[in-house]
C-alpha atoms as a PDB file:
ATOM      1  CA  UNK A   1     105.733  16.955 247.927  1.00  0.00           C
ATOM      2  CA  UNK A   2     101.924  16.109 246.250  1.00  0.00           C
ATOM      3  CA  UNK A   3      99.445  14.237 248.153  1.00  0.00           C
ATOM      4  CA  UNK A   4      98.000  11.791 245.940  1.00  0.00           C
ATOM      5  CA  UNK A   5      94.532  10.299 246.597  1.00  0.00           C
ATOM      6  CA  UNK A   6      93.946   7.046 245.247  1.00  0.00           C
ATOM      7  CA  UNK A   7      90.778   4.932 245.333  1.00  0.00           C
ATOM      8  CA  UNK A   8      90.043   1.716 244.355  1.00  0.00           C
ATOM      9  CA  UNK A   9      86.108   0.898 242.385  1.00  0.00           C
ATOM     10  CA  UNK A  10      84.797  -2.689 242.090  1.00  0.00           C
ATOM     11  CA  UNK A  11      82.014  -2.643 239.290  1.00  0.00           C
ATOM     12  CA  UNK A  12      80.079  -5.743 238.209  1.00  0.00           C
ATOM     13  CA  UNK A  13      78.642  -6.168 234.777  1.00  0.00           C
ATOM     14  CA  UNK A  14      76.397  -8.758 233.995  1.00  0.00           C
ATOM     15  CA  UNK A  15      76.415  -9.470 230.444  1.00  0.00           C
ATOM     16  CA  UNK A  16      73.561  -9.465 228.018  1.00  0.00           C
ATOM     17  CA  UNK A  17      74.235 -12.062 225.444  1.00  0.00           C
ATOM     18  CA  UNK A  18      72.154 -13.969 222.812  1.00  0.00           C
ATOM     19  CA  UNK A  19      71.436 -17.424 223.907  1.00  0.00           C
ATOM     20  CA  UNK A  20      72.851 -19.645 221.748  1.00  0.00           C
ATOM     21  CA  UNK A  21      75.789 -21.690 220.631  1.00  0.00           C
ATOM     22  CA  UNK A  22      78.977 -19.647 219.788  1.00  0.00           C
ATOM     23  CA  UNK A  23      81.681 -20.942 217.377  1.00  0.00           C
ATOM     24  CA  UNK A  24      85.216 -19.844 217.836  1.00  0.00           C
ATOM     25  CA  UNK A  25      85.870 -15.964 217.296  1.00  0.00           C
ATOM     26  CA  UNK A  26      82.078 -14.927 217.496  1.00  0.00           C
ATOM     27  CA  UNK A  27      81.299 -12.083 219.503  1.00  0.00           C
ATOM     28  CA  UNK A  28      79.774 -13.258 222.856  1.00  0.00           C
ATOM     29  CA  UNK A  29      78.681 -10.110 224.099  1.00  0.00           C
ATOM     30  CA  UNK A  30      78.569  -6.758 222.120  1.00  0.00           C
ATOM     31  CA  UNK A  31      79.511  -3.901 223.701  1.00  0.00           C
ATOM     32  CA  UNK A  32      78.274  -2.993 226.990  1.00  0.00           C
ATOM     33  CA  UNK A  33      78.595  -0.028 229.828  1.00  0.00           C
ATOM     34  CA  UNK A  34      80.853  -0.354 232.544  1.00  0.00           C
ATOM     35  CA  UNK A  35      78.873   2.351 234.651  1.00  0.00           C
ATOM     36  CA  UNK A  36      80.851   4.921 236.940  1.00  0.00           C
ATOM     37  CA  UNK A  37      84.034   3.106 236.124  1.00  0.00           C
ATOM     38  CA  UNK A  38      86.061   6.470 236.504  1.00  0.00           C
ATOM     39  CA  UNK A  39      85.428   9.815 238.098  1.00  0.00           C
ATOM     40  CA  UNK A  40      84.002  11.306 234.737  1.00  0.00           C
ATOM     41  CA  UNK A  41      85.025  12.667 231.781  1.00  0.00           C
ATOM     42  CA  UNK A  42      88.682  12.643 231.593  1.00  0.00           C
ATOM     43  CA  UNK A  43      89.062  10.717 234.504  1.00  0.00           C
ATOM     44  CA  UNK A  44      91.628   8.164 234.752  1.00  0.00           C
ATOM     45  CA  UNK A  45      92.752   4.979 236.556  1.00  0.00           C
ATOM     46  CA  UNK A  46      94.172   1.641 236.090  1.00  0.00           C
ATOM     47  CA  UNK A  47      92.221  -1.644 235.402  1.00  0.00           C
ATOM     48  CA  UNK A  48      94.016  -3.676 237.980  1.00  0.00           C
ATOM     49  CA  UNK A  49      91.791  -7.037 237.729  1.00  0.00           C
ATOM     50  CA  UNK A  50      88.896  -8.543 236.131  1.00  0.00           C
ATOM     51  CA  UNK A  51      87.113 -11.851 237.677  1.00  0.00           C
ATOM     52  CA  UNK A  52      85.215 -13.766 235.513  1.00  0.00           C
ATOM     53  CA  UNK A  53      82.170 -15.307 236.560  1.00  0.00           C
ATOM     54  CA  UNK A  54      80.838 -18.161 234.246  1.00  0.00           C
ATOM     55  CA  UNK A  55      77.486 -19.645 235.647  1.00  0.00           C
ATOM     56  CA  UNK A  56      77.138 -21.546 232.191  1.00  0.00           C
ATOM     57  CA  UNK A  57      80.066 -23.585 232.768  1.00  0.00           C
ATOM     58  CA  UNK A  58      81.826 -22.931 229.667  1.00  0.00           C
ATOM     59  CA  UNK A  59      85.382 -22.087 230.808  1.00  0.00           C
ATOM     60  CA  UNK A  60      86.347 -21.601 227.368  1.00  0.00           C
ATOM     61  CA  UNK A  61      89.160 -19.128 226.144  1.00  0.00           C
ATOM     62  CA  UNK A  62      87.657 -15.502 225.428  1.00  0.00           C
ATOM     63  CA  UNK A  63      89.015 -12.152 224.755  1.00  0.00           C
ATOM     64  CA  UNK A  64      87.841  -8.764 226.816  1.00  0.00           C
ATOM     65  CA  UNK A  65      88.140  -5.815 224.941  1.00  0.00           C
ATOM     66  CA  UNK A  66      88.042  -2.322 226.947  1.00  0.00           C
ATOM     67  CA  UNK A  67      86.689   0.667 224.787  1.00  0.00           C
ATOM     68  CA  UNK A  68      86.561   4.383 225.601  1.00  0.00           C
ATOM     69  CA  UNK A  69      83.323   4.572 223.676  1.00  0.00           C
ATOM     70  CA  UNK A  70      80.144   2.565 222.761  1.00  0.00           C
ATOM     71  CA  UNK A  71      81.871   1.159 219.641  1.00  0.00           C
ATOM     72  CA  UNK A  72      80.638  -2.017 218.431  1.00  0.00           C
ATOM     73  CA  UNK A  73      83.002  -5.071 217.745  1.00  0.00           C
ATOM     74  CA  UNK A  74      80.166  -6.961 215.559  1.00  0.00           C
ATOM     75  CA  UNK A  75      77.122  -8.676 215.853  1.00  0.00           C
ATOM     76  CA  UNK A  76      76.498 -11.594 218.596  1.00  0.00           C
ATOM     77  CA  UNK A  77      76.756 -14.924 217.540  1.00  0.00           C
ATOM     78  CA  UNK A  78      78.810 -14.005 214.383  1.00  0.00           C
ATOM     79  CA  UNK A  79      82.467 -13.438 213.789  1.00  0.00           C
ATOM     80  CA  UNK A  80      84.097 -10.430 215.352  1.00  0.00           C
ATOM     81  CA  UNK A  81      84.165  -7.202 212.625  1.00  0.00           C
ATOM     82  CA  UNK A  82      85.653  -4.447 214.181  1.00  0.00           C
ATOM     83  CA  UNK A  83      86.149  -1.645 211.774  1.00  0.00           C
ATOM     84  CA  UNK A  84      88.203   0.919 213.617  1.00  0.00           C
ATOM     85  CA  UNK A  85      90.458   0.028 216.621  1.00  0.00           C
ATOM     86  CA  UNK A  86      91.051   3.749 217.699  1.00  0.00           C
ATOM     87  CA  UNK A  87      88.845   3.374 220.845  1.00  0.00           C
ATOM     88  CA  UNK A  88      90.339   0.181 222.303  1.00  0.00           C
ATOM     89  CA  UNK A  89      92.184   0.869 225.765  1.00  0.00           C
ATOM     90  CA  UNK A  90      93.058  -2.606 226.245  1.00  0.00           C
ATOM     91  CA  UNK A  91      92.418  -6.700 225.472  1.00  0.00           C
ATOM     92  CA  UNK A  92      92.687  -8.962 228.478  1.00  0.00           C
ATOM     93  CA  UNK A  93      93.163 -12.653 227.446  1.00  0.00           C
ATOM     94  CA  UNK A  94      91.390 -15.198 229.317  1.00  0.00           C
ATOM     95  CA  UNK A  95      92.584 -18.769 228.691  1.00  0.00           C
ATOM     96  CA  UNK A  96      90.773 -22.010 229.193  1.00  0.00           C
ATOM     97  CA  UNK A  97      93.237 -22.915 231.339  1.00  0.00           C
ATOM     98  CA  UNK A  98      92.835 -19.448 233.818  1.00  0.00           C
ATOM     99  CA  UNK A  99      89.612 -21.027 234.842  1.00  0.00           C
ATOM    100  CA  UNK A 100      89.035 -22.748 238.327  1.00  0.00           C
ATOM    101  CA  UNK A 101      86.135 -25.474 237.777  1.00  0.00           C
ATOM    102  CA  UNK A 102      83.376 -25.298 240.448  1.00  0.00           C
ATOM    103  CA  UNK A 103      81.493 -28.205 239.163  1.00  0.00           C
ATOM    104  CA  UNK A 104      78.273 -26.253 238.341  1.00  0.00           C
ATOM    105  CA  UNK A 105      80.233 -23.184 237.454  1.00  0.00           C
ATOM    106  CA  UNK A 106      83.944 -21.605 236.591  1.00  0.00           C
ATOM    107  CA  UNK A 107      85.499 -18.558 237.403  1.00  0.00           C
ATOM    108  CA  UNK A 108      88.830 -16.911 236.190  1.00  0.00           C
ATOM    109  CA  UNK A 109      90.665 -14.108 237.781  1.00  0.00           C
ATOM    110  CA  UNK A 110      93.152 -11.864 235.919  1.00  0.00           C
ATOM    111  CA  UNK A 111      95.324  -9.770 238.292  1.00  0.00           C
ATOM    112  CA  UNK A 112      98.073  -7.050 237.863  1.00  0.00           C
ATOM    113  CA  UNK A 113      96.692  -6.101 234.632  1.00  0.00           C
ATOM    114  CA  UNK A 114      98.205  -2.418 234.913  1.00  0.00           C
ATOM    115  CA  UNK A 115      96.062  -1.117 232.008  1.00  0.00           C
ATOM    116  CA  UNK A 116      95.934   2.515 232.021  1.00  0.00           C
ATOM    117  CA  UNK A 117      92.584   3.911 231.463  1.00  0.00           C
ATOM    118  CA  UNK A 118      90.751   7.201 230.703  1.00  0.00           C
ATOM    119  CA  UNK A 119      86.683   7.974 230.091  1.00  0.00           C
ATOM    120  CA  UNK A 120      85.234  10.291 227.688  1.00  0.00           C
ATOM    121  CA  UNK A 121      82.321  10.021 230.776  1.00  0.00           C
ATOM    122  CA  UNK A 122      82.480   8.157 233.829  1.00  0.00           C
ATOM    123  CA  UNK A 123      81.493   4.786 231.837  1.00  0.00           C
ATOM    124  CA  UNK A 124      84.216   2.558 230.221  1.00  0.00           C
ATOM    125  CA  UNK A 125      82.742  -0.404 227.972  1.00  0.00           C
ATOM    126  CA  UNK A 126      83.092  -3.546 227.268  1.00  0.00           C
ATOM    127  CA  UNK A 127      82.750  -6.567 224.780  1.00  0.00           C
ATOM    128  CA  UNK A 128      83.577 -10.194 224.579  1.00  0.00           C
ATOM    129  CA  UNK A 129      84.930 -12.157 221.705  1.00  0.00           C
ATOM    130  CA  UNK A 130      84.575 -16.393 222.654  1.00  0.00           C
ATOM    131  CA  UNK A 131      87.710 -17.911 221.331  1.00  0.00           C
ATOM    132  CA  UNK A 132      86.270 -21.551 222.072  1.00  0.00           C
ATOM    133  CA  UNK A 133      83.208 -22.836 220.971  1.00  0.00           C
ATOM    134  CA  UNK A 134      80.530 -22.813 223.486  1.00  0.00           C
ATOM    135  CA  UNK A 135      76.830 -22.168 224.692  1.00  0.00           C
ATOM    136  CA  UNK A 136      75.473 -19.517 226.714  1.00  0.00           C
ATOM    137  CA  UNK A 137      72.454 -18.054 228.333  1.00  0.00           C
ATOM    138  CA  UNK A 138      71.363 -14.788 228.394  1.00  0.00           C
ATOM    139  CA  UNK A 139      73.029 -13.687 231.538  1.00  0.00           C
ATOM    140  CA  UNK A 140      75.083 -16.471 232.177  1.00  0.00           C
ATOM    141  CA  UNK A 141      78.476 -14.282 232.682  1.00  0.00           C
ATOM    142  CA  UNK A 142      79.372 -11.476 234.886  1.00  0.00           C
ATOM    143  CA  UNK A 143      82.631  -9.671 234.838  1.00  0.00           C
ATOM    144  CA  UNK A 144      84.022  -7.568 237.962  1.00  0.00           C
ATOM    145  CA  UNK A 145      86.301  -5.177 237.288  1.00  0.00           C
ATOM    146  CA  UNK A 146      88.783  -3.967 239.817  1.00  0.00           C
ATOM    147  CA  UNK A 147      90.031  -0.180 239.055  1.00  0.00           C
ATOM    148  CA  UNK A 148      92.685   1.943 240.728  1.00  0.00           C
ATOM    149  CA  UNK A 149      91.299   5.615 240.406  1.00  0.00           C
ATOM    150  CA  UNK A 150      93.499   8.700 240.323  1.00  0.00           C
END
C-alpha cells in the first residue's frame, strides 16, 4: 500500500484590471499569476474551489480561465480574442445568480470543481472574461483558489 501525502493550499490573487466600464464578453483581467499554486515544475493537483470577492458590487457573470503558462486572452476592456487554447487547463463559469449580495459588495463560491492541474513551474495563471456589462475599479476583485496538491 502506497502512502499518499495530500496537502491543501489557498492562494489569493487580487486582480489588476483597467478601471472602466466593460461590455459583455470583454476581457476583465488579462492573464495574471497564481503564485505557488503547485509544488514546482510538473507539480500536479486539483483546483477544488474558487471564491470570487467582488468589492465593486457588480455581481455579473464571469468566466475564470485557468492556464498553465502566461498566455494572453486579449486586451482588457476589449472583446476576448485568444489565438490558441492549448494552455487552458479549465474554465469556471460564475453566473450572476451565484453571487451573494452583501449590500456594498458581493461574493460567489464555486466548490467541488475537480479540475486537474499541472504546472510548468510552481505558478499557474488566471484570466477573467466579463459575461455581463459592468464597471470595475483597478483592484476591485479578488479570487481565492483552493487547491489539493499531490
